[in-house]
């Protein structure tokens, strides 16, 4: 099966995070046909590997392993996410989603097709030294993130991981373009929930109230003042379930926090609690603060970025240097543990927006993605 057919099969039958049973079964089936060894990982993911036929002539590096397994040499990890989104597709494509209310609207089917194509080519000609892992990762779209579950199984402990590579489609870039950013690139994300407990009652009898609506309004204003270029806090859900003349006892708020530095992240968390405490003391309410930790920041290895930019230009690709991005990616978990690179693959400027019902990336990008990822993986293994 060619990578475009592989992608279209995935697109027809998308599955939500950590429910990718049919997706994993199909990937496993195709890998088996190619003779590529693989196993399940993180529940509904698939981990494949190809051993290069050439011997490593470099002196083995001494590394610490946390288990008794013998050191197995250098390795690369190529990662693609495979989950879809709860969106009703409206592209009109002949291979549109057949699972009502679920769609590959974030390009994960393209990511998986690129990875499949790389594995397909290298399995046919494994002329390299070391081990190449192909990780079809589940559950990128929701906490706790499939990457955290992958790493919890410690599948790479016995290897010297040269790099973890991942890509994401970019509808803002033309096919034949790749985008990079060295250092911090994508934000850490946390889910925020607040409950403001007060004393409600008749709206005309304010002397009898400890008004949680007023307290919530001040909380919203003060939280919004935390926003700057490297801190984004948005509240998208506020529930004050009273009436025109009824003040409720409780107001609930939910939102998201995006930061680019772990120390700053902790400082902001403390400030959230301090703001809540100050409002409590002055207005006589009680605010519950619930911070659900999400993904860490994506931080790209600067040396890998330099090498990738040079290679991309040698391949005749256009290169864009990217700005900070306040969206989040569980690829950040790999960045904390291994040298990592997460880059953008152009899929056409007229293909719609990510996470929308009409997103339709240009499939010509698959061949571009395969060629670049394969060349870069081999380059890193050779070095």
Foldseek 3Di string as FASTA:
>chain_A
DALVVQLLVLFQAAAAFLPQQVVLVVVVVVCVVLVWDWDDFLRRKIKTKDAAPDADPDDADDDDFPDPDAADEEEEEEEAERHWDQAAADAPDPSHYPDGRTGRQFCSSLQVSLLVNLCSVCSVPRNFHDMYMYIHFGGWPDPPHRVVRRVVVVPCRNYQYLEYEYEGADLQDAFLEKEFAAFFAEWWKKKKKKKKFWAKFFQVPPVVILASVVLVVVLVVVLCVPDDPFKDKDWDDKDQPADPTIGDRMIMIIIMITGGDPVVVVVVVVVSVVSQVVSCVPRVIHMDIDIGGYAHTAHAHRVLRVVLVVVSVVVVGHYHYDDHHHHDTNCNVVVVPHRYTYMYGYFHNPQDDGPHSNRDGHSVSSVVSNVSVSVSRRVSSVD
